């Protein structure tokens, strides 16, 4: 039997990943597969990662810290990565990257307004037009 780098990660790196991310639950169950791959299913507050190799399937559930839902509202985003030619270190980096993402599409954020002549005098604040008083005020003046 040929050992894959995902098998090495299962034996060595999963424990380190679980120690680094205490809000993560790891489930390992045997399943046959042709191609070693990582499948991440994102929901509103958590993430489910499937690591599939020839002998094992790892379910990694990342719980959010602000609420205690467990895959209650899946937003339908599925990210799939094949790890055929990757080392155990590259797989660990990929899983860390996937667990830090939200699953939302990356979009360009634009300003909702546009002006052809921007202001050069600055922003208004409550003290913009008040006269400056240099003389002391209060009991120190007497």
N, C-alpha and C. Protein backbone atom coordinates (compact mmCIF):
# COMPACT_ATOMS: atom_id res chain seq x y z
N UNK A 1 0.84 -1.18 0.00
CA UNK A 1 0.00 0.00 0.00
C UNK A 1 0.88 1.24 0.00
N UNK A 2 0.61 2.15 -0.91
CA UNK A 2 1.37 3.40 -1.02
C UNK A 2 0.77 4.42 -0.06
N UNK A 3 1.63 5.06 0.70
CA UNK A 3 1.17 6.03 1.67
C UNK A 3 1.17 7.42 1.04
N UNK A 4 0.11 8.16 1.22
CA UNK A 4 0.02 9.50 0.65
C UNK A 4 0.38 10.54 1.70
N UNK A 5 0.58 11.77 1.22
CA UNK A 5 0.89 12.85 2.16
C UNK A 5 -0.34 13.21 2.99
N UNK A 6 -1.53 12.96 2.45
CA UNK A 6 -2.74 13.18 3.25
C UNK A 6 -2.83 12.15 4.38
N UNK A 7 -2.37 10.93 4.11
CA UNK A 7 -2.30 9.93 5.17
C UNK A 7 -1.31 10.33 6.25
N UNK A 8 -0.17 10.93 5.84
CA UNK A 8 0.78 11.45 6.82
C UNK A 8 0.16 12.57 7.65
N UNK A 9 -0.59 13.44 6.97
CA UNK A 9 -1.23 14.53 7.70
C UNK A 9 -2.27 14.00 8.69
N UNK A 10 -2.97 12.94 8.30
CA UNK A 10 -3.96 12.35 9.21
C UNK A 10 -3.27 11.80 10.45
N UNK A 11 -2.12 11.16 10.27
CA UNK A 11 -1.42 10.56 11.40
C UNK A 11 -0.71 11.58 12.27
N UNK A 12 -0.18 12.65 11.67
CA UNK A 12 0.66 13.59 12.43
C UNK A 12 0.06 14.98 12.58
N UNK A 13 -0.48 15.53 11.51
CA UNK A 13 -0.88 16.94 11.51
C UNK A 13 -2.25 17.24 12.06
N UNK A 14 -3.14 16.26 12.10
CA UNK A 14 -4.49 16.52 12.58
C UNK A 14 -4.48 16.90 14.06
N UNK A 15 -3.63 16.25 14.83
CA UNK A 15 -3.55 16.55 16.26
C UNK A 15 -3.04 17.97 16.47
N UNK A 16 -2.02 18.37 15.71
CA UNK A 16 -1.51 19.74 15.83
C UNK A 16 -2.56 20.76 15.40
N UNK A 17 -3.29 20.45 14.33
CA UNK A 17 -4.35 21.36 13.87
C UNK A 17 -5.44 21.50 14.92
N UNK A 18 -5.81 20.40 15.56
CA UNK A 18 -6.83 20.44 16.60
C UNK A 18 -6.36 21.21 17.83
N UNK A 19 -5.06 21.13 18.15
CA UNK A 19 -4.53 21.88 19.28
C UNK A 19 -4.48 23.38 18.98
N UNK A 20 -4.17 23.74 17.74
CA UNK A 20 -4.10 25.16 17.36
C UNK A 20 -5.48 25.79 17.28
N UNK A 21 -6.48 25.03 16.92
CA UNK A 21 -7.85 25.54 16.81
C UNK A 21 -8.74 24.78 17.78
N UNK A 22 -8.89 25.30 19.02
CA UNK A 22 -9.66 24.56 20.02
C UNK A 22 -11.15 24.50 19.72
N UNK A 23 -11.66 25.32 18.83
CA UNK A 23 -13.07 25.26 18.47
C UNK A 23 -13.35 24.30 17.33
N UNK A 24 -12.48 23.33 17.14
CA UNK A 24 -12.60 22.40 16.02
C UNK A 24 -12.84 20.99 16.53
N UNK A 25 -13.76 20.30 15.91
CA UNK A 25 -14.03 18.90 16.23
C UNK A 25 -13.65 18.08 15.01
N UNK A 26 -12.87 17.01 15.20
CA UNK A 26 -12.38 16.19 14.09
C UNK A 26 -12.99 14.80 14.20
N UNK A 27 -13.64 14.35 13.13
CA UNK A 27 -14.20 13.01 13.05
C UNK A 27 -13.48 12.26 11.94
N UNK A 28 -13.00 11.05 12.20
CA UNK A 28 -12.33 10.23 11.19
C UNK A 28 -13.14 8.96 11.01
N UNK A 29 -13.50 8.68 9.76
CA UNK A 29 -14.23 7.44 9.45
C UNK A 29 -13.70 6.87 8.15
N UNK A 30 -13.56 5.55 8.03
CA UNK A 30 -13.01 4.97 6.80
C UNK A 30 -13.97 5.12 5.62
N UNK A 31 -13.41 5.46 4.46
CA UNK A 31 -14.19 5.58 3.24
C UNK A 31 -13.25 5.43 2.06
N UNK A 32 -13.67 4.73 1.05
CA UNK A 32 -12.81 4.55 -0.12
C UNK A 32 -13.01 5.71 -1.09
N UNK A 33 -11.92 6.15 -1.69
CA UNK A 33 -11.97 7.25 -2.65
C UNK A 33 -10.83 7.08 -3.63
N UNK A 34 -10.97 7.65 -4.80
CA UNK A 34 -9.93 7.54 -5.80
C UNK A 34 -8.88 8.63 -5.67
N UNK A 35 -9.32 9.84 -5.47
CA UNK A 35 -8.42 10.99 -5.45
C UNK A 35 -8.44 11.60 -4.05
N UNK A 36 -7.25 11.83 -3.47
CA UNK A 36 -7.26 12.53 -2.17
C UNK A 36 -7.65 13.98 -2.37
N UNK A 37 -8.65 14.43 -1.65
CA UNK A 37 -9.12 15.80 -1.80
C UNK A 37 -9.67 16.32 -0.49
N UNK A 38 -9.79 17.64 -0.42
CA UNK A 38 -10.36 18.33 0.73
C UNK A 38 -11.61 19.03 0.24
N UNK A 39 -12.72 18.78 0.90
CA UNK A 39 -13.99 19.43 0.56
C UNK A 39 -14.43 20.23 1.77
N UNK A 40 -14.65 21.52 1.59
CA UNK A 40 -15.11 22.38 2.68
C UNK A 40 -16.52 22.84 2.37
N UNK A 41 -17.43 22.60 3.28
CA UNK A 41 -18.81 23.08 3.16
C UNK A 41 -18.99 24.19 4.19
N UNK A 42 -19.33 25.37 3.71
CA UNK A 42 -19.47 26.52 4.59
C UNK A 42 -20.92 26.75 4.95
N UNK A 43 -21.14 27.20 6.17
CA UNK A 43 -22.47 27.63 6.58
C UNK A 43 -22.34 29.02 7.16
N UNK A 44 -23.40 29.54 7.74
CA UNK A 44 -23.39 30.91 8.23
C UNK A 44 -22.32 31.13 9.31
N UNK A 45 -22.18 30.19 10.23
CA UNK A 45 -21.30 30.40 11.37
C UNK A 45 -20.19 29.38 11.50
N UNK A 46 -20.23 28.29 10.75
CA UNK A 46 -19.20 27.27 10.94
C UNK A 46 -18.80 26.67 9.61
N UNK A 47 -17.90 25.73 9.66
CA UNK A 47 -17.30 25.16 8.47
C UNK A 47 -17.16 23.67 8.67
N UNK A 48 -17.45 22.91 7.64
CA UNK A 48 -17.29 21.46 7.68
C UNK A 48 -16.29 21.09 6.60
N UNK A 49 -15.18 20.48 6.99
CA UNK A 49 -14.13 20.11 6.05
C UNK A 49 -14.08 18.59 5.97
N UNK A 50 -14.11 18.06 4.75
CA UNK A 50 -13.96 16.62 4.54
C UNK A 50 -12.58 16.39 3.93
N UNK A 51 -11.79 15.57 4.56
CA UNK A 51 -10.52 15.15 3.99
C UNK A 51 -10.71 13.72 3.51
N UNK A 52 -10.58 13.51 2.23
CA UNK A 52 -10.83 12.19 1.68
C UNK A 52 -9.54 11.61 1.13
N UNK A 53 -9.15 10.47 1.61
CA UNK A 53 -8.01 9.75 1.09
C UNK A 53 -8.49 8.34 0.77
N UNK A 54 -7.59 7.46 0.44
CA UNK A 54 -8.02 6.12 0.04
C UNK A 54 -8.63 5.34 1.19
N UNK A 55 -8.20 5.61 2.38
CA UNK A 55 -8.68 4.81 3.51
C UNK A 55 -9.54 5.58 4.49
N UNK A 56 -9.38 6.89 4.56
CA UNK A 56 -10.05 7.64 5.61
C UNK A 56 -10.80 8.82 5.05
N UNK A 57 -11.81 9.21 5.78
CA UNK A 57 -12.51 10.46 5.51
C UNK A 57 -12.53 11.22 6.82
N UNK A 58 -12.02 12.43 6.83
CA UNK A 58 -11.98 13.22 8.05
C UNK A 58 -13.02 14.32 7.93
N UNK A 59 -13.90 14.41 8.89
CA UNK A 59 -14.83 15.52 8.97
C UNK A 59 -14.31 16.47 10.03
N UNK A 60 -14.01 17.68 9.65
CA UNK A 60 -13.56 18.69 10.60
C UNK A 60 -14.66 19.73 10.68
N UNK A 61 -15.23 19.90 11.85
CA UNK A 61 -16.28 20.88 12.05
C UNK A 61 -15.71 22.01 12.89
N UNK A 62 -15.72 23.21 12.35
CA UNK A 62 -15.21 24.38 13.05
C UNK A 62 -16.41 25.13 13.61
N UNK A 63 -16.50 25.21 14.93
CA UNK A 63 -17.60 25.91 15.58
C UNK A 63 -17.24 27.38 15.73
N UNK A 64 -18.23 28.24 15.59
CA UNK A 64 -17.97 29.66 15.83
C UNK A 64 -18.01 29.92 17.33
N UNK A 65 -17.37 31.00 17.74
CA UNK A 65 -17.27 31.28 19.17
C UNK A 65 -18.42 32.13 19.69
N UNK A 66 -19.14 32.84 18.79
CA UNK A 66 -20.18 33.74 19.28
C UNK A 66 -21.55 33.10 19.37
N UNK A 67 -21.77 31.95 18.75
CA UNK A 67 -23.03 31.23 18.93
C UNK A 67 -22.74 29.74 18.87
N UNK A 68 -23.67 28.93 19.28
CA UNK A 68 -23.41 27.51 19.40
C UNK A 68 -24.22 26.69 18.40
N UNK A 69 -24.33 27.20 17.18
CA UNK A 69 -25.05 26.44 16.17
C UNK A 69 -24.09 25.45 15.52
N UNK A 70 -24.60 24.33 15.09
CA UNK A 70 -23.78 23.32 14.42
C UNK A 70 -24.37 23.09 13.05
N UNK A 71 -23.81 23.75 12.04
CA UNK A 71 -24.25 23.62 10.65
C UNK A 71 -25.76 23.81 10.52
N UNK A 72 -26.27 24.83 11.19
CA UNK A 72 -27.71 25.04 11.17
C UNK A 72 -28.19 25.67 9.87
N UNK A 73 -27.39 26.53 9.28
CA UNK A 73 -27.82 27.22 8.06
C UNK A 73 -26.70 27.15 7.04
N UNK A 74 -26.69 26.13 6.23
CA UNK A 74 -25.66 25.97 5.21
C UNK A 74 -25.94 26.97 4.10
N UNK A 75 -24.93 27.77 3.75
CA UNK A 75 -25.15 28.76 2.69
C UNK A 75 -24.88 28.19 1.31
N UNK A 76 -24.58 26.91 1.20
CA UNK A 76 -24.45 26.28 -0.10
C UNK A 76 -23.09 26.40 -0.74
N UNK A 77 -22.15 27.04 -0.10
CA UNK A 77 -20.83 27.20 -0.68
C UNK A 77 -19.99 25.96 -0.38
N UNK A 78 -19.47 25.37 -1.42
CA UNK A 78 -18.63 24.19 -1.29
C UNK A 78 -17.33 24.47 -2.02
N UNK A 79 -16.22 24.29 -1.34
CA UNK A 79 -14.90 24.50 -1.92
C UNK A 79 -14.19 23.15 -1.92
N UNK A 80 -13.67 22.77 -3.07
CA UNK A 80 -13.04 21.46 -3.21
C UNK A 80 -11.62 21.64 -3.72
N UNK A 81 -10.66 21.00 -3.06
CA UNK A 81 -9.25 21.08 -3.44
C UNK A 81 -8.68 19.68 -3.50
N UNK A 82 -8.02 19.35 -4.60
CA UNK A 82 -7.32 18.07 -4.66
C UNK A 82 -5.92 18.25 -4.10
N UNK A 83 -5.47 17.26 -3.36
CA UNK A 83 -4.16 17.34 -2.70
C UNK A 83 -3.28 16.19 -3.16
N UNK A 84 -3.34 15.89 -4.46
CA UNK A 84 -2.60 14.75 -4.99
C UNK A 84 -1.10 14.93 -4.85
N UNK A 85 -0.57 16.07 -5.24
CA UNK A 85 0.88 16.29 -5.25
C UNK A 85 1.33 17.25 -4.17
N UNK A 86 0.62 17.35 -3.07
CA UNK A 86 0.98 18.29 -2.02
C UNK A 86 1.59 17.55 -0.84
N UNK A 87 2.49 18.24 -0.16
CA UNK A 87 3.13 17.67 1.02
C UNK A 87 2.21 17.84 2.23
N UNK A 88 2.60 17.23 3.32
CA UNK A 88 1.82 17.33 4.54
C UNK A 88 1.77 18.77 5.06
N UNK A 89 2.87 19.50 4.91
CA UNK A 89 2.92 20.91 5.33
C UNK A 89 2.00 21.77 4.47
N UNK A 90 1.97 21.53 3.17
CA UNK A 90 1.09 22.29 2.28
C UNK A 90 -0.38 21.99 2.58
N UNK A 91 -0.69 20.75 2.94
CA UNK A 91 -2.06 20.39 3.30
C UNK A 91 -2.47 21.10 4.59
N UNK A 92 -1.55 21.18 5.55
CA UNK A 92 -1.85 21.89 6.80
C UNK A 92 -2.12 23.37 6.54
N UNK A 93 -1.32 23.99 5.67
CA UNK A 93 -1.54 25.40 5.33
C UNK A 93 -2.87 25.59 4.61
N UNK A 94 -3.22 24.66 3.74
CA UNK A 94 -4.48 24.75 3.00
C UNK A 94 -5.68 24.61 3.93
N UNK A 95 -5.61 23.70 4.88
CA UNK A 95 -6.72 23.52 5.82
C UNK A 95 -6.84 24.74 6.73
N UNK A 96 -5.72 25.31 7.15
CA UNK A 96 -5.77 26.52 7.97
C UNK A 96 -6.39 27.66 7.18
N UNK A 97 -6.02 27.80 5.91
CA UNK A 97 -6.59 28.85 5.06
C UNK A 97 -8.09 28.64 4.89
N UNK A 98 -8.50 27.41 4.67
CA UNK A 98 -9.93 27.13 4.48
C UNK A 98 -10.72 27.37 5.76
N UNK A 99 -10.12 27.09 6.90
CA UNK A 99 -10.85 27.30 8.15
C UNK A 99 -10.94 28.77 8.52
N UNK A 100 -10.05 29.61 7.99
CA UNK A 100 -10.10 31.04 8.27
C UNK A 100 -11.02 31.79 7.31
N UNK A 101 -11.44 31.17 6.23
CA UNK A 101 -12.32 31.82 5.27
C UNK A 101 -13.77 31.66 5.70
N UNK A 102 -14.62 32.52 5.14
CA UNK A 102 -16.04 32.45 5.47
C UNK A 102 -16.85 31.71 4.43
N UNK A 103 -16.28 31.46 3.27
CA UNK A 103 -17.02 30.79 2.21
C UNK A 103 -17.74 31.74 1.29
N UNK A 104 -17.75 33.02 1.62
CA UNK A 104 -18.39 34.00 0.76
C UNK A 104 -17.49 34.34 -0.42
N UNK A 105 -18.11 34.76 -1.52
CA UNK A 105 -17.34 35.14 -2.69
C UNK A 105 -16.53 36.39 -2.40
N UNK A 106 -15.35 36.47 -2.99
CA UNK A 106 -14.51 37.65 -2.83
C UNK A 106 -14.99 38.69 -3.83
N UNK A 107 -15.44 39.83 -3.32
CA UNK A 107 -15.95 40.88 -4.18
C UNK A 107 -15.20 42.17 -3.91
N UNK A 108 -15.21 43.05 -4.89
CA UNK A 108 -14.59 44.35 -4.73
C UNK A 108 -15.57 45.27 -4.02
N UNK A 109 -15.11 45.92 -2.97
CA UNK A 109 -15.95 46.84 -2.22
C UNK A 109 -15.77 48.23 -2.80
N UNK A 110 -16.86 48.84 -3.22
CA UNK A 110 -16.82 50.17 -3.80
C UNK A 110 -17.58 51.15 -2.91
N UNK A 111 -17.26 52.44 -3.08
CA UNK A 111 -17.99 53.47 -2.37
C UNK A 111 -19.37 53.63 -3.02
N UNK A 112 -20.41 53.83 -2.24
CA UNK A 112 -21.74 53.98 -2.83
C UNK A 112 -22.01 55.37 -3.41
N UNK A 113 -21.02 56.26 -3.37
CA UNK A 113 -21.23 57.61 -3.88
C UNK A 113 -20.02 58.01 -4.71
N UNK A 114 -20.22 59.04 -5.54
CA UNK A 114 -19.14 59.56 -6.37
C UNK A 114 -19.34 61.06 -6.51
N UNK A 115 -18.26 61.80 -6.44
CA UNK A 115 -18.32 63.24 -6.66
C UNK A 115 -17.24 63.63 -7.65
N UNK A 116 -17.59 64.57 -8.52
CA UNK A 116 -16.61 65.01 -9.51
C UNK A 116 -15.72 66.12 -8.96
N UNK A 117 -16.15 66.78 -7.87
CA UNK A 117 -15.32 67.82 -7.26
C UNK A 117 -15.22 67.56 -5.76
N UNK A 118 -14.23 66.81 -5.34
CA UNK A 118 -14.11 66.49 -3.91
C UNK A 118 -13.75 67.72 -3.08
N UNK A 119 -14.12 67.72 -1.82
CA UNK A 119 -13.88 68.84 -0.93
C UNK A 119 -12.40 68.92 -0.56
N UNK A 120 -11.86 70.14 -0.60
CA UNK A 120 -10.47 70.31 -0.20
C UNK A 120 -10.36 70.95 1.17
N UNK A 121 -11.49 71.37 1.76
CA UNK A 121 -11.41 72.04 3.05
C UNK A 121 -11.54 71.08 4.21
N UNK A 122 -11.86 69.86 3.99
CA UNK A 122 -11.93 68.88 5.06
C UNK A 122 -13.35 68.63 5.52
N UNK A 123 -13.46 67.73 6.49
CA UNK A 123 -14.76 67.34 7.00
C UNK A 123 -15.29 68.34 8.01
N UNK A 124 -16.61 68.48 8.09
CA UNK A 124 -17.23 69.36 9.06
C UNK A 124 -17.25 68.68 10.42
N UNK A 125 -17.03 69.47 11.47
CA UNK A 125 -17.20 68.99 12.85
C UNK A 125 -17.81 70.13 13.65
N UNK A 126 -18.29 69.92 14.88
CA UNK A 126 -19.02 70.96 15.62
C UNK A 126 -18.21 72.22 15.90
N UNK A 127 -16.90 72.16 15.86
CA UNK A 127 -16.08 73.32 16.18
C UNK A 127 -15.52 73.99 14.93
N UNK A 128 -16.08 73.74 13.77
CA UNK A 128 -15.55 74.30 12.53
C UNK A 128 -15.66 75.82 12.50
N UNK A 129 -16.81 76.40 12.81
CA UNK A 129 -17.03 77.84 12.67
C UNK A 129 -17.04 78.57 14.01
N UNK A 130 -16.60 77.98 15.06
CA UNK A 130 -16.56 78.65 16.37
C UNK A 130 -15.31 79.52 16.46
N UNK A 131 -15.44 80.69 17.06
CA UNK A 131 -14.25 81.54 17.21
C UNK A 131 -13.29 80.94 18.25
N UNK A 132 -12.02 81.16 18.02
CA UNK A 132 -11.01 80.67 18.95
C UNK A 132 -10.91 81.62 20.14
N UNK A 133 -10.89 81.09 21.34
CA UNK A 133 -10.71 81.90 22.55
C UNK A 133 -9.40 81.51 23.18
N UNK A 134 -8.51 82.45 23.23
CA UNK A 134 -7.19 82.18 23.79
C UNK A 134 -7.15 82.55 25.27
N UNK A 135 -7.96 83.55 25.68
CA UNK A 135 -7.94 83.98 27.08
C UNK A 135 -8.54 82.90 27.97
N UNK A 136 -8.03 82.77 29.21
CA UNK A 136 -8.53 81.73 30.12
C UNK A 136 -9.98 81.98 30.51
N UNK A 137 -10.69 80.91 30.74
CA UNK A 137 -12.09 80.98 31.10
C UNK A 137 -12.26 80.33 32.47
N UNK A 138 -13.11 80.89 33.31
CA UNK A 138 -13.42 80.27 34.59
C UNK A 138 -12.70 80.92 35.74
N UNK A 139 -12.50 80.20 36.85
CA UNK A 139 -11.93 80.78 38.06
C UNK A 139 -10.47 81.20 37.90
N UNK A 140 -9.78 80.73 36.89
CA UNK A 140 -8.38 81.11 36.71
C UNK A 140 -8.26 82.55 36.22
N UNK A 141 -9.30 83.13 35.62
CA UNK A 141 -9.25 84.48 35.07
C UNK A 141 -9.20 85.53 36.16
N UNK A 142 -9.68 85.24 37.37
CA UNK A 142 -9.72 86.24 38.43
C UNK A 142 -8.45 86.38 39.15
